[in-house]
Amino acid sequence: MPQITLRQGTIRYREAGVGEPIVFLHGYVMDGRLWDRVVERLAGRFRCITLDLPLGAHTIPMAPEADLGLRGLGALVAEALEALDLHDVTLVGNDSGDAIAQVVAAWHPERLARLVLTPGDCLDNCPPTPFKPLVPAARVPALVTMGIRTQRLRFMRRLPLGYGLLTNGPLPHDLITDWIRAFRGHAGVRRDTIKVTRGLNPHVTREAALRLASFTKPTLLAFAPDDRLFPFAHAELLAAILPNARVERIEDSLTWVMLDQPERTARLIRDFVLATPGTSDTPDAAAGVRT
């Protein structure tokens, strides 16, 4: 895998296709392969890049002093876009990757042409309710470590405090096994994960939402009405804040829309990119539709 060395450490990424860049962000204790089925459908027309963020399933520990709160992770993604010399980027988030994408749009929008948010953290829902106890638990690192290590067991993965509420379909056990192996494999990765967990703060997502009122670039909010972690109503609330936003429904799906409905998800992203102009130097480039 190619990798880039940034101020906070080294991250790996995957790349497929050529054309206008689409960058995908994943969630907590996951990696970029989660997006593979969508990338397969888009790589014929776009340059698709999936970053392996330091969210607990990464294989290269970050620098000990790295800021892995949400603001720090947003800065890391912005620096990665610069290091890869990407412009007119469509940034796509999911799960906690949504919170990071919002930070990029709110504080580092210069290289973005568009923002796509699929089900994920926003407003006060950061992290979602079943996972909120993780944040105070991270004051005792062994508690978080023990909880994540239980995901070695397949029956534990199916529980609401595992991966059980993320998909309507079968869990991607091969991926999850790799993710837990990466977490267990290096003390530095476990240290990073504790820092990320402590930094899941709704204060940041609330502030990001306020700042997004000035983000005039086209935004697509493609949420799943059946999702029990990330309510569809939150997409509508964000759309009311963003000046240039539209909302789409992804039916018959939970949080992992890229697994439950890869064709629908890819088509929404493709049509959105093709229907909206790229970034220009003027903040009001491209009028959009709000629903």
C-alpha atoms as a PDB file:
ATOM      1  CA  MET A   1       0.000   0.000   0.000  1.00  0.00           C
ATOM      2  CA  PRO A   2       1.217   3.539  -0.695  1.00  0.00           C
ATOM      3  CA  GLN A   3       1.635   5.796   2.301  1.00  0.00           C
ATOM      4  CA  ILE A   4       2.128   9.450   3.099  1.00  0.00           C
ATOM      5  CA  THR A   5       4.115  10.920   5.960  1.00  0.00           C
ATOM      6  CA  LEU A   6       2.431  13.888   7.592  1.00  0.00           C
ATOM      7  CA  ARG A   7       3.286  16.011  10.583  1.00  0.00           C
ATOM      8  CA  GLN A   8       1.299  13.760  12.922  1.00  0.00           C
ATOM      9  CA  GLY A   9       2.549  10.499  11.474  1.00  0.00           C
ATOM     10  CA  THR A  10       2.282   8.170   8.485  1.00  0.00           C
ATOM     11  CA  ILE A  11      -0.999   6.931   7.025  1.00  0.00           C
ATOM     12  CA  ARG A  12      -1.682   4.412   4.290  1.00  0.00           C
ATOM     13  CA  TYR A  13      -4.183   4.779   1.485  1.00  0.00           C
ATOM     14  CA  ARG A  14      -5.631   2.969  -1.528  1.00  0.00           C
ATOM     15  CA  GLU A  15      -6.201   4.460  -4.960  1.00  0.00           C
ATOM     16  CA  ALA A  16      -8.153   3.346  -8.018  1.00  0.00           C
ATOM     17  CA  GLY A  17      -9.209   5.045 -11.242  1.00  0.00           C
ATOM     18  CA  VAL A  18      -8.436   8.392 -12.829  1.00  0.00           C
ATOM     19  CA  GLY A  19     -10.354  11.626 -13.059  1.00  0.00           C
ATOM     20  CA  GLU A  20     -11.801  14.031 -10.541  1.00  0.00           C
ATOM     21  CA  PRO A  21     -10.813  12.917  -7.026  1.00  0.00           C
ATOM     22  CA  ILE A  22     -13.212  11.384  -4.521  1.00  0.00           C
ATOM     23  CA  VAL A  23     -11.758  10.776  -1.050  1.00  0.00           C
ATOM     24  CA  PHE A  24     -13.494   8.370   1.336  1.00  0.00           C
ATOM     25  CA  LEU A  25     -13.353   8.437   5.149  1.00  0.00           C
ATOM     26  CA  HIS A  26     -14.326   5.515   7.392  1.00  0.00           C
ATOM     27  CA  GLY A  27     -15.318   5.118  11.028  1.00  0.00           C
ATOM     28  CA  TYR A  28     -13.995   3.968  14.395  1.00  0.00           C
ATOM     29  CA  VAL A  29     -11.957   0.710  14.400  1.00  0.00           C
ATOM     30  CA  MET A  30     -12.395   0.288  10.636  1.00  0.00           C
ATOM     31  CA  ASP A  31     -10.303   0.968   7.537  1.00  0.00           C
ATOM     32  CA  GLY A  32     -10.815   2.215   3.996  1.00  0.00           C
ATOM     33  CA  ARG A  33     -11.593  -1.217   2.523  1.00  0.00           C
ATOM     34  CA  LEU A  34     -15.117  -0.756   3.817  1.00  0.00           C
ATOM     35  CA  TRP A  35     -15.683   1.400   0.710  1.00  0.00           C
ATOM     36  CA  ASP A  36     -14.386  -1.153  -1.825  1.00  0.00           C
ATOM     37  CA  ARG A  37     -17.777  -2.016  -3.378  1.00  0.00           C
ATOM     38  CA  VAL A  38     -18.528   1.656  -4.002  1.00  0.00           C
ATOM     39  CA  VAL A  39     -15.018   2.347  -5.309  1.00  0.00           C
ATOM     40  CA  GLU A  40     -15.384  -0.533  -7.806  1.00  0.00           C
ATOM     41  CA  ARG A  41     -18.433   1.209  -9.235  1.00  0.00           C
ATOM     42  CA  LEU A  42     -16.863   4.676  -9.419  1.00  0.00           C
ATOM     43  CA  ALA A  43     -13.255   4.014 -10.424  1.00  0.00           C
ATOM     44  CA  GLY A  44     -14.130   3.874 -14.120  1.00  0.00           C
ATOM     45  CA  ARG A  45     -14.847   7.596 -14.058  1.00  0.00           C
ATOM     46  CA  PHE A  46     -13.178   9.063 -10.960  1.00  0.00           C
ATOM     47  CA  ARG A  47      -9.936   8.885  -9.033  1.00  0.00           C
ATOM     48  CA  CYS A  48     -11.028   7.171  -5.812  1.00  0.00           C
ATOM     49  CA  ILE A  49      -8.821   7.397  -2.724  1.00  0.00           C
ATOM     50  CA  THR A  50      -9.596   5.674   0.569  1.00  0.00           C
ATOM     51  CA  LEU A  51      -7.526   6.810   3.526  1.00  0.00           C
ATOM     52  CA  ASP A  52      -6.725   4.443   6.381  1.00  0.00           C
ATOM     53  CA  LEU A  53      -7.247   6.870   9.235  1.00  0.00           C
ATOM     54  CA  PRO A  54      -5.696   6.291  12.693  1.00  0.00           C
ATOM     55  CA  LEU A  55      -9.017   5.265  14.245  1.00  0.00           C
ATOM     56  CA  GLY A  56      -8.011   1.952  15.771  1.00  0.00           C
ATOM     57  CA  ALA A  57      -7.546  -0.396  12.794  1.00  0.00           C
ATOM     58  CA  HIS A  58      -4.463   1.320  11.380  1.00  0.00           C
ATOM     59  CA  THR A  59      -1.178  -0.536  11.168  1.00  0.00           C
ATOM     60  CA  ILE A  60       1.307   2.328  11.591  1.00  0.00           C
ATOM     61  CA  PRO A  61       1.145   4.140  14.946  1.00  0.00           C
ATOM     62  CA  MET A  62       1.043   7.899  14.845  1.00  0.00           C
ATOM     63  CA  ALA A  63       3.609  10.129  16.526  1.00  0.00           C
ATOM     64  CA  PRO A  64       3.212   9.991  20.328  1.00  0.00           C
ATOM     65  CA  GLU A  65       2.375  13.707  20.442  1.00  0.00           C
ATOM     66  CA  ALA A  66      -0.191  13.543  17.593  1.00  0.00           C
ATOM     67  CA  ASP A  67      -3.490  15.333  18.170  1.00  0.00           C
ATOM     68  CA  LEU A  68      -6.122  12.678  17.482  1.00  0.00           C
ATOM     69  CA  GLY A  69      -9.143  14.604  18.641  1.00  0.00           C
ATOM     70  CA  LEU A  70     -11.679  15.426  15.947  1.00  0.00           C
ATOM     71  CA  ARG A  71     -10.036  18.771  15.166  1.00  0.00           C
ATOM     72  CA  GLY A  72      -6.661  17.085  14.901  1.00  0.00           C
ATOM     73  CA  LEU A  73      -8.010  14.333  12.654  1.00  0.00           C
ATOM     74  CA  GLY A  74      -9.631  16.928  10.404  1.00  0.00           C
ATOM     75  CA  ALA A  75      -6.301  18.724  10.129  1.00  0.00           C
ATOM     76  CA  LEU A  76      -4.635  15.401   9.301  1.00  0.00           C
ATOM     77  CA  VAL A  77      -7.072  14.764   6.431  1.00  0.00           C
ATOM     78  CA  ALA A  78      -6.599  18.302   5.132  1.00  0.00           C
ATOM     79  CA  GLU A  79      -2.824  17.792   5.177  1.00  0.00           C
ATOM     80  CA  ALA A  80      -3.236  14.454   3.365  1.00  0.00           C
ATOM     81  CA  LEU A  81      -5.194  16.188   0.586  1.00  0.00           C
ATOM     82  CA  GLU A  82      -2.357  18.685   0.278  1.00  0.00           C
ATOM     83  CA  ALA A  83       0.345  16.005   0.326  1.00  0.00           C
ATOM     84  CA  LEU A  84      -1.463  14.140  -2.470  1.00  0.00           C
ATOM     85  CA  ASP A  85      -1.831  17.430  -4.375  1.00  0.00           C
ATOM     86  CA  LEU A  86      -5.589  16.983  -4.693  1.00  0.00           C
ATOM     87  CA  HIS A  87      -7.906  19.759  -5.830  1.00  0.00           C
ATOM     88  CA  ASP A  88     -11.662  19.873  -6.423  1.00  0.00           C
ATOM     89  CA  VAL A  89     -12.064  17.000  -3.985  1.00  0.00           C
ATOM     90  CA  THR A  90     -15.376  15.332  -3.235  1.00  0.00           C
ATOM     91  CA  LEU A  91     -14.976  14.307   0.401  1.00  0.00           C
ATOM     92  CA  VAL A  92     -17.187  11.400   1.507  1.00  0.00           C
ATOM     93  CA  GLY A  93     -17.713  10.451   5.157  1.00  0.00           C
ATOM     94  CA  ASN A  94     -19.390   7.640   7.056  1.00  0.00           C
ATOM     95  CA  ASP A  95     -19.787   6.884  10.769  1.00  0.00           C
ATOM     96  CA  SER A  96     -17.149   8.858  12.739  1.00  0.00           C
ATOM     97  CA  GLY A  97     -15.635   9.744   9.356  1.00  0.00           C
ATOM     98  CA  ASP A  98     -18.633  12.074   9.008  1.00  0.00           C
ATOM     99  CA  ALA A  99     -17.490  14.109  11.990  1.00  0.00           C
ATOM    100  CA  ILE A 100     -13.999  14.330  10.504  1.00  0.00           C
ATOM    101  CA  ALA A 101     -15.359  15.345   7.094  1.00  0.00           C
ATOM    102  CA  GLN A 102     -17.394  18.110   8.737  1.00  0.00           C
ATOM    103  CA  VAL A 103     -14.281  19.395  10.495  1.00  0.00           C
ATOM    104  CA  VAL A 104     -12.457  19.505   7.154  1.00  0.00           C
ATOM    105  CA  ALA A 105     -15.353  21.391   5.530  1.00  0.00           C
ATOM    106  CA  ALA A 106     -15.722  23.762   8.474  1.00  0.00           C
ATOM    107  CA  TRP A 107     -12.064  24.609   9.102  1.00  0.00           C
ATOM    108  CA  HIS A 108     -10.088  23.442   6.018  1.00  0.00           C
ATOM    109  CA  PRO A 109     -12.381  23.729   2.956  1.00  0.00           C
ATOM    110  CA  GLU A 110      -9.830  25.060   0.491  1.00  0.00           C
ATOM    111  CA  ARG A 111      -9.325  21.852  -1.529  1.00  0.00           C
ATOM    112  CA  LEU A 112     -12.942  20.702  -1.408  1.00  0.00           C
ATOM    113  CA  ALA A 113     -15.392  20.975  -4.270  1.00  0.00           C
ATOM    114  CA  ARG A 114     -18.161  18.971  -2.584  1.00  0.00           C
ATOM    115  CA  LEU A 115     -19.081  17.216   0.621  1.00  0.00           C
ATOM    116  CA  VAL A 116     -20.970  13.922   0.895  1.00  0.00           C
ATOM    117  CA  LEU A 117     -22.161  12.717   4.291  1.00  0.00           C
ATOM    118  CA  THR A 118     -23.622   9.237   4.657  1.00  0.00           C
ATOM    119  CA  PRO A 119     -24.917   8.039   8.061  1.00  0.00           C
ATOM    120  CA  GLY A 120     -22.556   9.275  10.733  1.00  0.00           C
ATOM    121  CA  ASP A 121     -21.781  11.485  13.698  1.00  0.00           C
ATOM    122  CA  CYS A 122     -23.114  15.027  13.689  1.00  0.00           C
ATOM    123  CA  LEU A 123     -24.616  17.646  15.985  1.00  0.00           C
ATOM    124  CA  ASP A 124     -25.034  16.136  19.500  1.00  0.00           C
ATOM    125  CA  ASN A 125     -24.847  12.554  18.233  1.00  0.00           C
ATOM    126  CA  CYS A 126     -21.095  12.068  18.662  1.00  0.00           C
ATOM    127  CA  PRO A 127     -20.580   9.270  19.375  1.00  0.00           C
ATOM    128  CA  PRO A 128     -24.040   7.698  18.968  1.00  0.00           C
ATOM    129  CA  THR A 129     -25.878   6.784  22.153  1.00  0.00           C
ATOM    130  CA  PRO A 130     -24.833   3.101  22.537  1.00  0.00           C
ATOM    131  CA  PHE A 131     -21.166   4.106  22.322  1.00  0.00           C
ATOM    132  CA  LYS A 132     -21.179   7.199  24.548  1.00  0.00           C
ATOM    133  CA  PRO A 133     -19.912   5.209  27.565  1.00  0.00           C
ATOM    134  CA  LEU A 134     -16.690   4.551  25.640  1.00  0.00           C
ATOM    135  CA  VAL A 135     -15.602   8.161  26.056  1.00  0.00           C
ATOM    136  CA  PRO A 136     -15.449   8.265  29.886  1.00  0.00           C
ATOM    137  CA  ALA A 137     -14.246   4.645  29.865  1.00  0.00           C
ATOM    138  CA  ALA A 138     -11.183   5.813  27.901  1.00  0.00           C
ATOM    139  CA  ARG A 139      -9.929   7.442  31.103  1.00  0.00           C
ATOM    140  CA  VAL A 140      -9.071   3.849  32.035  1.00  0.00           C
ATOM    141  CA  PRO A 141      -7.411   2.607  28.819  1.00  0.00           C
ATOM    142  CA  ALA A 142      -7.698  -1.054  29.813  1.00  0.00           C
ATOM    143  CA  LEU A 143     -11.497  -0.811  29.620  1.00  0.00           C
ATOM    144  CA  VAL A 144     -11.484   0.296  25.981  1.00  0.00           C
ATOM    145  CA  THR A 145      -8.768  -2.210  25.116  1.00  0.00           C
ATOM    146  CA  MET A 146     -10.754  -5.029  26.706  1.00  0.00           C
ATOM    147  CA  GLY A 147     -13.943  -3.988  24.904  1.00  0.00           C
ATOM    148  CA  ILE A 148     -12.310  -3.908  21.479  1.00  0.00           C
ATOM    149  CA  ARG A 149     -10.491  -7.175  22.066  1.00  0.00           C
ATOM    150  CA  THR A 150     -13.822  -8.916  22.661  1.00  0.00           C
ATOM    151  CA  GLN A 151     -14.541  -8.323  18.971  1.00  0.00           C
ATOM    152  CA  ARG A 152     -12.268 -11.269  18.214  1.00  0.00           C
ATOM    153  CA  LEU A 153     -15.358 -13.348  18.970  1.00  0.00           C
ATOM    154  CA  ARG A 154     -17.933 -13.429  16.201  1.00  0.00           C
ATOM    155  CA  PHE A 155     -20.937 -13.551  18.502  1.00  0.00           C
ATOM    156  CA  MET A 156     -19.696 -10.383  20.264  1.00  0.00           C
ATOM    157  CA  ARG A 157     -19.458  -8.560  16.925  1.00  0.00           C
ATOM    158  CA  ARG A 158     -23.185  -9.012  16.374  1.00  0.00           C
ATOM    159  CA  LEU A 159     -24.117  -7.182  19.588  1.00  0.00           C
ATOM    160  CA  PRO A 160     -25.198  -3.511  19.593  1.00  0.00           C
ATOM    161  CA  LEU A 161     -21.936  -2.566  21.326  1.00  0.00           C
ATOM    162  CA  GLY A 162     -19.994  -4.258  18.535  1.00  0.00           C
ATOM    163  CA  TYR A 163     -20.728  -3.976  14.829  1.00  0.00           C
ATOM    164  CA  GLY A 164     -24.234  -5.412  15.042  1.00  0.00           C
ATOM    165  CA  LEU A 165     -26.215  -2.212  14.372  1.00  0.00           C
ATOM    166  CA  LEU A 166     -24.193  -1.156  11.328  1.00  0.00           C
ATOM    167  CA  THR A 167     -25.525  -3.414   8.572  1.00  0.00           C
ATOM    168  CA  ASN A 168     -28.638  -5.301   7.520  1.00  0.00           C
ATOM    169  CA  GLY A 169     -26.505  -7.963   5.892  1.00  0.00           C
ATOM    170  CA  PRO A 170     -23.856 -10.378   7.131  1.00  0.00           C
ATOM    171  CA  LEU A 171     -20.940  -8.813   8.919  1.00  0.00           C
ATOM    172  CA  PRO A 172     -17.682  -8.584   6.909  1.00  0.00           C
ATOM    173  CA  HIS A 173     -15.853 -10.920   9.276  1.00  0.00           C
ATOM    174  CA  ASP A 174     -12.636 -11.031   7.241  1.00  0.00           C
ATOM    175  CA  LEU A 175     -12.356  -7.251   7.487  1.00  0.00           C
ATOM    176  CA  ILE A 176     -13.281  -7.131  11.157  1.00  0.00           C
ATOM    177  CA  THR A 177     -10.716  -9.803  11.967  1.00  0.00           C
ATOM    178  CA  ASP A 178      -8.051  -7.703  10.253  1.00  0.00           C
ATOM    179  CA  TRP A 179      -9.176  -4.590  12.119  1.00  0.00           C
ATOM    180  CA  ILE A 180      -8.993  -6.254  15.520  1.00  0.00           C
ATOM    181  CA  ARG A 181      -5.639  -7.837  14.626  1.00  0.00           C
ATOM    182  CA  ALA A 182      -4.279  -4.373  13.776  1.00  0.00           C
ATOM    183  CA  PHE A 183      -5.550  -2.994  17.082  1.00  0.00           C
ATOM    184  CA  ARG A 184      -3.991  -5.839  19.044  1.00  0.00           C
ATOM    185  CA  GLY A 185      -0.763  -5.825  17.065  1.00  0.00           C
ATOM    186  CA  HIS A 186       0.939  -2.671  18.323  1.00  0.00           C
ATOM    187  CA  ALA A 187       0.879  -0.779  21.602  1.00  0.00           C
ATOM    188  CA  GLY A 188       1.157   2.479  19.637  1.00  0.00           C
ATOM    189  CA  VAL A 189      -2.067   1.710  17.757  1.00  0.00           C
ATOM    190  CA  ARG A 190      -3.846   1.033  21.052  1.00  0.00           C
ATOM    191  CA  ARG A 191      -2.486   4.311  22.432  1.00  0.00           C
ATOM    192  CA  ASP A 192      -3.805   6.141  19.362  1.00  0.00           C
ATOM    193  CA  THR A 193      -7.206   4.505  19.744  1.00  0.00           C
ATOM    194  CA  ILE A 194      -7.528   5.670  23.334  1.00  0.00           C
ATOM    195  CA  LYS A 195      -6.727   9.226  22.222  1.00  0.00           C
ATOM    196  CA  VAL A 196      -9.312   9.042  19.439  1.00  0.00           C
ATOM    197  CA  THR A 197     -11.918   7.700  21.863  1.00  0.00           C
ATOM    198  CA  ARG A 198     -11.309  10.489  24.361  1.00  0.00           C
ATOM    199  CA  GLY A 199     -11.670  13.018  21.541  1.00  0.00           C
ATOM    200  CA  LEU A 200     -15.166  11.961  20.388  1.00  0.00           C
ATOM    201  CA  ASN A 201     -16.700  15.188  21.605  1.00  0.00           C
ATOM    202  CA  PRO A 202     -20.074  16.600  20.529  1.00  0.00           C
ATOM    203  CA  HIS A 203     -18.765  20.075  21.292  1.00  0.00           C
ATOM    204  CA  VAL A 204     -16.677  19.782  18.119  1.00  0.00           C
ATOM    205  CA  THR A 205     -19.537  18.527  15.928  1.00  0.00           C
ATOM    206  CA  ARG A 206     -21.859  21.242  17.268  1.00  0.00           C
ATOM    207  CA  GLU A 207     -19.274  23.913  16.502  1.00  0.00           C
ATOM    208  CA  ALA A 208     -18.647  22.398  13.073  1.00  0.00           C
ATOM    209  CA  ALA A 209     -22.380  22.566  12.318  1.00  0.00           C
ATOM    210  CA  LEU A 210     -22.426  26.277  13.155  1.00  0.00           C
ATOM    211  CA  ARG A 211     -19.438  26.906  10.897  1.00  0.00           C
ATOM    212  CA  LEU A 212     -21.008  24.886   8.076  1.00  0.00           C
ATOM    213  CA  ALA A 213     -23.546  27.660   7.670  1.00  0.00           C
ATOM    214  CA  SER A 214     -20.749  29.365   5.713  1.00  0.00           C
ATOM    215  CA  PHE A 215     -19.833  26.292   3.644  1.00  0.00           C
ATOM    216  CA  THR A 216     -21.423  27.155   0.309  1.00  0.00           C
ATOM    217  CA  LYS A 217     -20.071  24.262  -1.750  1.00  0.00           C
ATOM    218  CA  PRO A 218     -22.544  21.542  -2.829  1.00  0.00           C
ATOM    219  CA  THR A 219     -23.325  19.012  -0.127  1.00  0.00           C
ATOM    220  CA  LEU A 220     -25.149  15.691  -0.347  1.00  0.00           C
ATOM    221  CA  LEU A 221     -26.606  14.098   2.784  1.00  0.00           C
ATOM    222  CA  ALA A 222     -27.442  10.479   1.905  1.00  0.00           C
ATOM    223  CA  PHE A 223     -28.772   8.865   5.084  1.00  0.00           C
ATOM    224  CA  ALA A 224     -30.662   5.656   5.766  1.00  0.00           C
ATOM    225  CA  PRO A 225     -34.163   6.088   7.251  1.00  0.00           C
ATOM    226  CA  ASP A 226     -33.888   2.704   9.013  1.00  0.00           C
ATOM    227  CA  ASP A 227     -30.585   3.522  10.755  1.00  0.00           C
ATOM    228  CA  ARG A 228     -30.889   3.269  14.547  1.00  0.00           C
ATOM    229  CA  LEU A 229     -27.546   4.922  15.299  1.00  0.00           C
ATOM    230  CA  PHE A 230     -27.648   7.983  13.046  1.00  0.00           C
ATOM    231  CA  PRO A 231     -31.229   9.299  12.655  1.00  0.00           C
ATOM    232  CA  PHE A 232     -32.388  10.449   9.255  1.00  0.00           C
ATOM    233  CA  ALA A 233     -33.737  13.588  10.933  1.00  0.00           C
ATOM    234  CA  HIS A 234     -30.150  14.678  11.570  1.00  0.00           C
ATOM    235  CA  ALA A 235     -29.511  14.808   7.820  1.00  0.00           C
ATOM    236  CA  GLU A 236     -32.506  17.116   7.495  1.00  0.00           C
ATOM    237  CA  LEU A 237     -31.242  19.321  10.337  1.00  0.00           C
ATOM    238  CA  LEU A 238     -27.813  19.632   8.722  1.00  0.00           C
ATOM    239  CA  ALA A 239     -29.431  20.393   5.362  1.00  0.00           C
ATOM    240  CA  ALA A 240     -31.256  23.289   7.006  1.00  0.00           C
ATOM    241  CA  ILE A 241     -27.893  24.678   8.161  1.00  0.00           C
ATOM    242  CA  LEU A 242     -25.853  24.157   5.005  1.00  0.00           C
ATOM    243  CA  PRO A 243     -26.571  26.767   2.309  1.00  0.00           C
ATOM    244  CA  ASN A 244     -26.196  24.415  -0.650  1.00  0.00           C
ATOM    245  CA  ALA A 245     -27.387  20.991   0.497  1.00  0.00           C
ATOM    246  CA  ARG A 246     -29.676  18.232  -0.664  1.00  0.00           C
ATOM    247  CA  VAL A 247     -30.938  15.155   1.159  1.00  0.00           C
ATOM    248  CA  GLU A 248     -31.343  11.671  -0.306  1.00  0.00           C
ATOM    249  CA  ARG A 249     -32.714   8.490   1.239  1.00  0.00           C
ATOM    250  CA  ILE A 250     -30.913   5.160   1.073  1.00  0.00           C
ATOM    251  CA  GLU A 251     -33.602   2.630   1.827  1.00  0.00           C
ATOM    252  CA  ASP A 252     -33.122  -0.916   3.128  1.00  0.00           C
ATOM    253  CA  SER A 253     -29.855  -0.016   4.802  1.00  0.00           C
ATOM    254  CA  LEU A 254     -28.313   0.786   8.140  1.00  0.00           C
ATOM    255  CA  THR A 255     -25.117   2.799   8.744  1.00  0.00           C
ATOM    256  CA  TRP A 256     -22.946   0.862   6.305  1.00  0.00           C
ATOM    257  CA  VAL A 257     -24.743   2.010   3.174  1.00  0.00           C
ATOM    258  CA  MET A 258     -21.665   1.048   1.147  1.00  0.00           C
ATOM    259  CA  LEU A 259     -22.272  -2.609   2.075  1.00  0.00           C
ATOM    260  CA  ASP A 260     -26.063  -2.707   2.282  1.00  0.00           C
ATOM    261  CA  GLN A 261     -26.708  -0.627  -0.854  1.00  0.00           C
ATOM    262  CA  PRO A 262     -23.443  -0.195  -2.792  1.00  0.00           C
ATOM    263  CA  GLU A 263     -25.135   0.427  -6.152  1.00  0.00           C
ATOM    264  CA  ARG A 264     -27.504   3.073  -4.778  1.00  0.00           C
ATOM    265  CA  THR A 265     -24.692   4.728  -2.806  1.00  0.00           C
ATOM    266  CA  ALA A 266     -22.323   4.824  -5.785  1.00  0.00           C
ATOM    267  CA  ARG A 267     -25.032   6.126  -8.098  1.00  0.00           C
ATOM    268  CA  LEU A 268     -25.935   8.950  -5.712  1.00  0.00           C
ATOM    269  CA  ILE A 269     -22.298  10.003  -5.432  1.00  0.00           C
ATOM    270  CA  ARG A 270     -21.681   9.732  -9.188  1.00  0.00           C
ATOM    271  CA  ASP A 271     -24.782  11.702 -10.144  1.00  0.00           C
ATOM    272  CA  PHE A 272     -24.071  14.334  -7.500  1.00  0.00           C
ATOM    273  CA  VAL A 273     -20.503  14.900  -8.714  1.00  0.00           C
ATOM    274  CA  LEU A 274     -21.557  15.079 -12.354  1.00  0.00           C
ATOM    275  CA  ALA A 275     -24.408  17.469 -11.608  1.00  0.00           C
ATOM    276  CA  THR A 276     -22.388  19.992  -9.607  1.00  0.00           C
ATOM    277  CA  PRO A 277     -19.515  22.146 -10.899  1.00  0.00           C
ATOM    278  CA  GLY A 278     -16.072  21.979  -9.373  1.00  0.00           C
ATOM    279  CA  THR A 279     -14.613  24.505  -7.018  1.00  0.00           C
ATOM    280  CA  SER A 280     -13.804  27.997  -8.215  1.00  0.00           C
ATOM    281  CA  ASP A 281     -12.245  30.898  -6.384  1.00  0.00           C
ATOM    282  CA  THR A 282     -15.642  32.421  -5.793  1.00  0.00           C
ATOM    283  CA  PRO A 283     -17.489  31.129  -2.728  1.00  0.00           C
ATOM    284  CA  ASP A 284     -20.849  31.030  -4.476  1.00  0.00           C
ATOM    285  CA  ALA A 285     -19.829  28.771  -7.327  1.00  0.00           C
ATOM    286  CA  ALA A 286     -22.614  26.348  -8.113  1.00  0.00           C
ATOM    287  CA  ALA A 287     -26.131  26.741  -6.858  1.00  0.00           C
ATOM    288  CA  GLY A 288     -27.659  23.656  -5.324  1.00  0.00           C
ATOM    289  CA  VAL A 289     -31.000  22.263  -4.264  1.00  0.00           C
ATOM    290  CA  ARG A 290     -32.134  21.974  -0.670  1.00  0.00           C
ATOM    291  CA  THR A 291     -34.794  19.448   0.256  1.00  0.00           C
END
